[in-house]
Protein backbone atom coordinates (compact mmCIF):
# COMPACT_ATOMS: atom_id res chain seq x y z
CA MET A 1 48.40 45.17 -96.30
CA SER A 2 50.76 43.03 -94.25
CA ARG A 3 49.47 40.17 -92.13
CA SER A 4 50.30 42.05 -88.89
CA ARG A 5 48.47 45.17 -90.08
CA ARG A 6 45.40 43.10 -91.02
CA ILE A 7 45.37 41.58 -87.50
CA LEU A 8 45.62 45.03 -85.91
CA ALA A 9 42.82 46.35 -88.09
CA VAL A 10 40.51 43.47 -87.21
CA ALA A 11 41.29 43.87 -83.51
CA ALA A 12 40.51 47.59 -83.65
CA ALA A 13 37.20 46.91 -85.39
CA VAL A 14 36.19 44.30 -82.83
CA THR A 15 37.04 46.66 -79.96
CA ALA A 16 35.04 49.51 -81.49
CA THR A 17 32.04 47.25 -82.02
CA ALA A 18 32.22 45.95 -78.44
CA LEU A 19 32.37 49.50 -77.05
CA ALA A 20 29.38 50.53 -79.15
CA LEU A 21 27.34 47.56 -78.00
CA ALA A 22 28.29 48.22 -74.38
CA GLY A 23 27.11 51.81 -74.73
CA CYS A 24 23.77 50.71 -76.18
CA SER A 25 23.35 48.11 -73.44
CA ALA A 26 24.02 50.61 -70.67
CA GLY A 27 21.56 53.06 -72.14
CA SER A 28 18.73 50.57 -72.54
CA ALA A 29 19.27 48.98 -69.09
CA GLY A 30 18.62 52.20 -67.22
CA SER A 31 15.28 52.79 -68.94
CA GLY A 32 14.05 49.21 -68.54
CA SER A 33 14.78 48.60 -64.86
CA SER A 34 11.93 47.55 -62.60
CA SER A 35 13.82 49.14 -59.70
CA GLY A 36 14.01 52.60 -61.25
CA GLY A 37 17.73 52.30 -62.02
CA ASP A 38 20.22 49.48 -62.45
CA ASP A 39 23.31 51.02 -60.89
CA GLY A 40 25.02 48.41 -58.77
CA TYR A 41 22.82 45.42 -59.66
CA ILE A 42 24.45 42.21 -60.88
CA THR A 43 21.96 41.88 -63.75
CA PRO A 44 20.05 44.86 -65.21
CA GLY A 45 16.36 44.67 -64.42
CA LYS A 46 16.81 41.77 -61.99
CA LEU A 47 17.48 41.42 -58.27
CA THR A 48 19.91 38.59 -57.55
CA ILE A 49 19.60 37.19 -54.03
CA GLY A 50 21.91 34.64 -52.44
CA THR A 51 21.11 32.00 -49.85
CA ALA A 52 22.56 28.75 -48.50
CA GLU A 53 22.92 25.39 -50.25
CA PRO A 54 20.84 23.85 -48.84
CA ALA A 55 18.66 26.37 -46.99
CA TYR A 56 16.77 25.05 -43.98
CA SER A 57 13.47 25.73 -42.26
CA PRO A 58 12.29 27.94 -40.66
CA TRP A 59 14.40 30.29 -42.76
CA VAL A 60 13.46 28.71 -46.11
CA LEU A 61 10.83 26.00 -46.40
CA ASP A 62 11.66 22.86 -48.39
CA ASP A 63 14.89 24.47 -49.68
CA LYS A 64 12.79 26.52 -52.16
CA PRO A 65 13.48 30.24 -51.58
CA GLN A 66 11.58 31.11 -54.76
CA SER A 67 8.38 30.07 -52.98
CA GLY A 68 8.69 32.98 -50.57
CA LYS A 69 7.92 30.59 -47.71
CA GLY A 70 10.06 30.70 -44.59
CA PHE A 71 11.21 33.76 -42.68
CA GLU A 72 14.23 34.74 -44.79
CA ALA A 73 12.57 33.91 -48.11
CA ALA A 74 9.64 36.14 -47.10
CA VAL A 75 11.97 38.92 -45.94
CA ALA A 76 13.89 38.74 -49.23
CA TYR A 77 10.74 39.26 -51.30
CA ALA A 78 9.57 42.04 -48.98
CA VAL A 79 12.90 43.83 -49.52
CA ALA A 80 12.62 43.21 -53.26
CA ASP A 81 9.18 44.83 -53.26
CA LYS A 82 10.52 47.89 -51.42
CA LEU A 83 13.28 48.14 -54.03
CA GLY A 84 10.67 48.10 -56.81
CA PHE A 85 11.16 44.54 -58.05
CA LYS A 86 8.32 42.17 -58.82
CA LYS A 87 8.60 38.54 -57.70
CA GLY A 88 9.30 37.42 -61.26
CA ASP A 89 12.31 39.77 -61.39
CA VAL A 90 14.05 38.02 -58.49
CA THR A 91 16.79 35.49 -59.25
CA TRP A 92 18.22 33.18 -56.58
CA VAL A 93 21.81 31.92 -56.38
CA ARG A 94 23.46 29.62 -53.83
CA THR A 95 26.66 30.16 -51.87
CA THR A 96 28.31 28.72 -48.82
CA PHE A 97 28.30 30.78 -45.63
CA ASP A 98 32.05 31.47 -45.91
CA GLN A 99 31.90 32.41 -49.60
CA ALA A 100 29.31 35.07 -48.93
CA ILE A 101 31.32 36.89 -46.25
CA ALA A 102 34.73 36.52 -47.90
CA PRO A 103 36.36 39.59 -49.51
CA GLY A 104 35.99 40.09 -53.25
CA PRO A 105 33.35 40.25 -56.00
CA LYS A 106 29.94 38.67 -55.40
CA THR A 107 27.50 36.68 -57.52
CA PHE A 108 24.56 38.29 -55.70
CA ASP A 109 23.15 41.73 -54.94
CA PHE A 110 22.54 40.68 -51.36
CA ASN A 111 22.69 37.40 -49.46
CA LEU A 112 20.83 36.23 -46.36
CA GLN A 113 21.52 33.07 -44.39
CA GLN A 114 21.54 34.23 -40.77
CA PHE A 115 24.66 36.39 -41.05
CA SER A 116 25.37 38.03 -37.71
CA ILE A 117 26.59 41.60 -38.05
CA THR A 118 30.11 41.85 -36.59
CA ASP A 119 32.88 44.43 -36.85
CA GLU A 120 35.28 41.77 -38.10
CA ARG A 121 33.00 40.81 -41.00
CA LYS A 122 32.43 44.48 -41.86
CA LYS A 123 36.06 44.61 -42.94
CA ALA A 124 35.25 42.31 -45.87
CA VAL A 125 31.58 42.97 -46.70
CA ASP A 126 28.76 45.46 -46.18
CA PHE A 127 25.68 44.77 -44.06
CA SER A 128 22.20 46.20 -44.17
CA SER A 129 20.59 47.27 -40.92
CA PRO A 130 19.37 44.21 -38.93
CA TYR A 131 16.23 42.41 -40.02
CA TYR A 132 16.17 40.07 -37.00
CA GLU A 133 17.67 39.82 -33.53
CA THR A 134 18.07 36.48 -31.82
CA SER A 135 20.05 34.65 -29.16
CA GLN A 136 22.09 31.45 -29.05
CA VAL A 137 20.52 28.28 -27.67
CA VAL A 138 21.79 24.91 -26.42
CA VAL A 139 19.90 21.96 -27.93
CA THR A 140 20.14 18.30 -26.98
CA THR A 141 18.08 15.09 -26.82
CA ALA A 142 16.37 13.37 -23.92
CA ALA A 143 18.92 10.54 -24.01
CA SER A 144 21.93 12.87 -23.70
CA PRO A 145 23.65 13.79 -20.41
CA ALA A 146 23.03 17.41 -21.40
CA ALA A 147 19.29 16.88 -20.91
CA LYS A 148 19.80 17.23 -17.15
CA ALA A 149 21.90 20.40 -17.40
CA SER A 150 20.39 23.47 -15.76
CA SER A 151 23.35 25.83 -15.83
CA ILE A 152 26.38 26.74 -17.91
CA ALA A 153 28.58 25.03 -15.31
CA ASP A 154 26.75 21.77 -16.01
CA LEU A 155 27.67 22.03 -19.70
CA LYS A 156 31.40 22.69 -19.30
CA LYS A 157 32.31 19.04 -18.79
CA LEU A 158 30.20 17.88 -21.77
CA THR A 159 30.98 17.67 -25.49
CA ILE A 160 29.48 20.68 -27.27
CA GLY A 161 29.26 21.20 -31.04
CA ALA A 162 28.41 24.09 -33.37
CA GLN A 163 28.74 25.19 -36.99
CA THR A 164 32.19 26.61 -37.61
CA GLY A 165 32.57 30.27 -38.53
CA THR A 166 29.29 31.29 -36.89
CA THR A 167 28.38 33.29 -33.80
CA SER A 168 26.89 30.07 -32.43
CA PHE A 169 30.40 28.62 -32.41
CA ASP A 170 31.84 31.80 -30.87
CA ALA A 171 29.16 31.79 -28.17
CA ALA A 172 29.85 28.16 -27.34
CA GLU A 173 33.58 28.90 -27.02
CA LYS A 174 33.24 32.07 -24.97
CA GLN A 175 30.14 31.48 -22.86
CA ILE A 176 30.27 27.74 -22.26
CA ALA A 177 34.02 27.16 -22.77
CA PRO A 178 33.73 23.35 -22.54
CA SER A 179 36.78 21.63 -21.12
CA GLY A 180 37.30 19.63 -24.35
CA GLY A 181 36.81 22.61 -26.65
CA VAL A 182 33.94 23.11 -29.09
CA GLN A 183 33.53 20.50 -31.83
CA ALA A 184 33.36 22.24 -35.24
CA PHE A 185 30.96 21.20 -38.02
CA ASN A 186 30.53 22.52 -41.55
CA THR A 187 26.77 22.98 -41.20
CA ASN A 188 24.04 22.87 -38.57
CA ASP A 189 22.81 19.69 -40.25
CA ASP A 190 26.19 18.03 -39.65
CA ALA A 191 26.06 19.15 -36.02
CA LYS A 192 22.54 17.74 -35.67
CA LEU A 193 23.64 14.37 -37.07
CA ALA A 194 26.53 14.29 -34.62
CA LEU A 195 24.07 14.90 -31.80
CA GLU A 196 21.81 12.11 -33.04
CA ASN A 197 24.79 9.76 -33.28
CA LYS A 198 25.91 10.70 -29.75
CA GLN A 199 29.19 12.15 -30.99
CA VAL A 200 28.36 15.31 -29.07
CA ASP A 201 26.18 15.85 -26.01
CA ALA A 202 24.63 19.13 -27.19
CA ILE A 203 24.87 21.70 -29.97
CA VAL A 204 24.52 25.48 -30.08
CA VAL A 205 22.29 27.13 -32.72
CA ASP A 206 20.21 30.31 -33.03
CA LEU A 207 16.83 30.42 -31.32
CA PRO A 208 14.47 29.79 -34.28
CA THR A 209 16.63 26.92 -35.52
CA ALA A 210 16.60 25.46 -32.01
CA PHE A 211 12.81 25.31 -31.98
CA TYR A 212 12.72 23.75 -35.43
CA LEU A 213 15.29 21.11 -34.51
CA ARG A 214 13.42 20.23 -31.34
CA ASP A 215 9.95 20.12 -32.88
CA ALA A 216 10.59 18.78 -36.38
CA GLU A 217 14.02 17.21 -36.73
CA LEU A 218 15.18 15.53 -33.54
CA LYS A 219 13.65 12.53 -31.84
CA ASP A 220 12.99 13.59 -28.24
CA GLY A 221 14.73 16.89 -28.86
CA LYS A 222 15.11 19.25 -25.94
CA ILE A 223 16.08 22.90 -25.52
CA VAL A 224 18.44 23.19 -22.56
CA GLY A 225 18.26 26.99 -22.58
CA GLN A 226 19.52 30.25 -24.04
CA LEU A 227 23.05 31.49 -23.50
CA PRO A 228 22.98 34.84 -21.69
CA LYS A 229 23.79 38.13 -23.35
CA VAL A 230 27.14 39.43 -22.18
CA ASP A 231 28.52 42.92 -21.54
CA GLY A 232 25.10 44.50 -22.04
CA GLN A 233 25.09 43.51 -25.71
CA GLN A 234 21.94 43.10 -27.70
CA GLY A 235 21.04 39.71 -29.09
CA ASP A 236 22.62 38.38 -32.24
CA GLN A 237 21.57 40.68 -35.11
CA PHE A 238 21.17 39.34 -38.64
CA GLY A 239 21.84 41.60 -41.63
CA LEU A 240 21.75 41.25 -45.41
CA VAL A 241 25.27 40.84 -46.80
CA LEU A 242 26.44 42.92 -49.76
CA ALA A 243 29.79 43.36 -51.47
CA LYS A 244 32.12 45.77 -49.70
CA ASP A 245 31.26 49.38 -50.61
CA SER A 246 28.31 48.23 -52.72
CA ALA A 247 26.29 50.95 -54.41
CA LEU A 248 23.19 49.13 -53.15
CA THR A 249 23.96 49.14 -49.42
CA LYS A 250 22.17 52.42 -48.69
CA LYS A 251 18.98 51.60 -50.59
CA VAL A 252 18.84 48.02 -49.24
CA THR A 253 19.24 49.35 -45.70
CA GLU A 254 16.47 51.88 -46.33
CA ALA A 255 14.23 49.03 -47.51
CA VAL A 256 14.94 47.00 -44.35
CA ASP A 257 14.34 50.05 -42.17
CA ALA A 258 11.01 50.69 -43.89
CA LEU A 259 9.94 47.08 -43.28
CA ARG A 260 10.84 47.44 -39.61
CA THR A 261 8.96 50.74 -39.29
CA ASP A 262 5.76 49.53 -40.95
CA GLY A 263 5.71 46.35 -38.83
CA THR A 264 6.35 43.90 -41.68
CA LEU A 265 9.43 42.32 -40.07
CA ASP A 266 7.56 41.68 -36.82
CA LYS A 267 4.63 40.16 -38.71
CA LEU A 268 6.91 37.84 -40.68
CA ALA A 269 8.76 36.80 -37.51
CA THR A 270 5.45 36.00 -35.84
CA GLN A 271 4.33 34.00 -38.88
CA TRP A 272 7.48 31.94 -39.40
CA LEU A 273 9.51 31.86 -36.19
CA ALA A 274 8.73 30.43 -32.78
CA ALA A 275 8.50 32.49 -29.60
CA ASP A 276 11.13 32.17 -26.86
CA GLY A 277 8.81 31.50 -23.91
CA ASP A 278 10.04 27.95 -23.32
CA ALA A 279 13.77 28.61 -23.72
CA PRO A 280 15.03 29.81 -20.30
CA VAL A 281 18.23 31.79 -20.01
CA LEU A 282 21.06 29.71 -18.52
CA LYS A 283 23.14 31.10 -15.68
């Protein structure tokens, strides 16, 4: 046999073996899944969940989503349970905010890090039904000029910051429209540091994060108030992000809907997130 024929023969054998192994793997995965079927999951028998790097309270406590502590960590495990996965079958991966909502393949089955559901983002990814609805809040410190603001007009002449690519940033641009533009930061933590260093007068974040920053992170932190809802819209709605046209979108949405119906989402919000009684709506 010539050298070229031997190479072709070896290649054909390797391909046949690989196809056989793939067939065996597919057959065994379906029977061993803790979810009742592995179609669409990144890893057979496992649920792979994405979150931020790092992930902050009150969404994830101590940057340890595997603990199940914090609102989004608890929601993730509640969804996993509805899908038929035990806690030990959940695997966590980390992504940036932008990576998770960009078009293309994903390293997770679903991802949650306060992704607001928008029509623009739906062009690139799928969303579950909302697991939480919030509003956008202006946060400052007692030493800042923003501490005396009582209206949106008072904020327009000040320096306002927010995390880029988020609805917090969009709300700051559209509803405050500061004269100097909105200062963009990669993360809420960067925005908070800028506030502490007096590089900005105030920052815009979602409501639960605002309470956490005021009560646990900032020295003499103060909530100026909530930005009003516009055009009769509901508050900012957070959804689980999945790959575009994912085979899991329907069942993940059904799991979220079931948690809303049985009161689990409300109970978890009460447990982990602050109420909005002391965050007045700005006019």
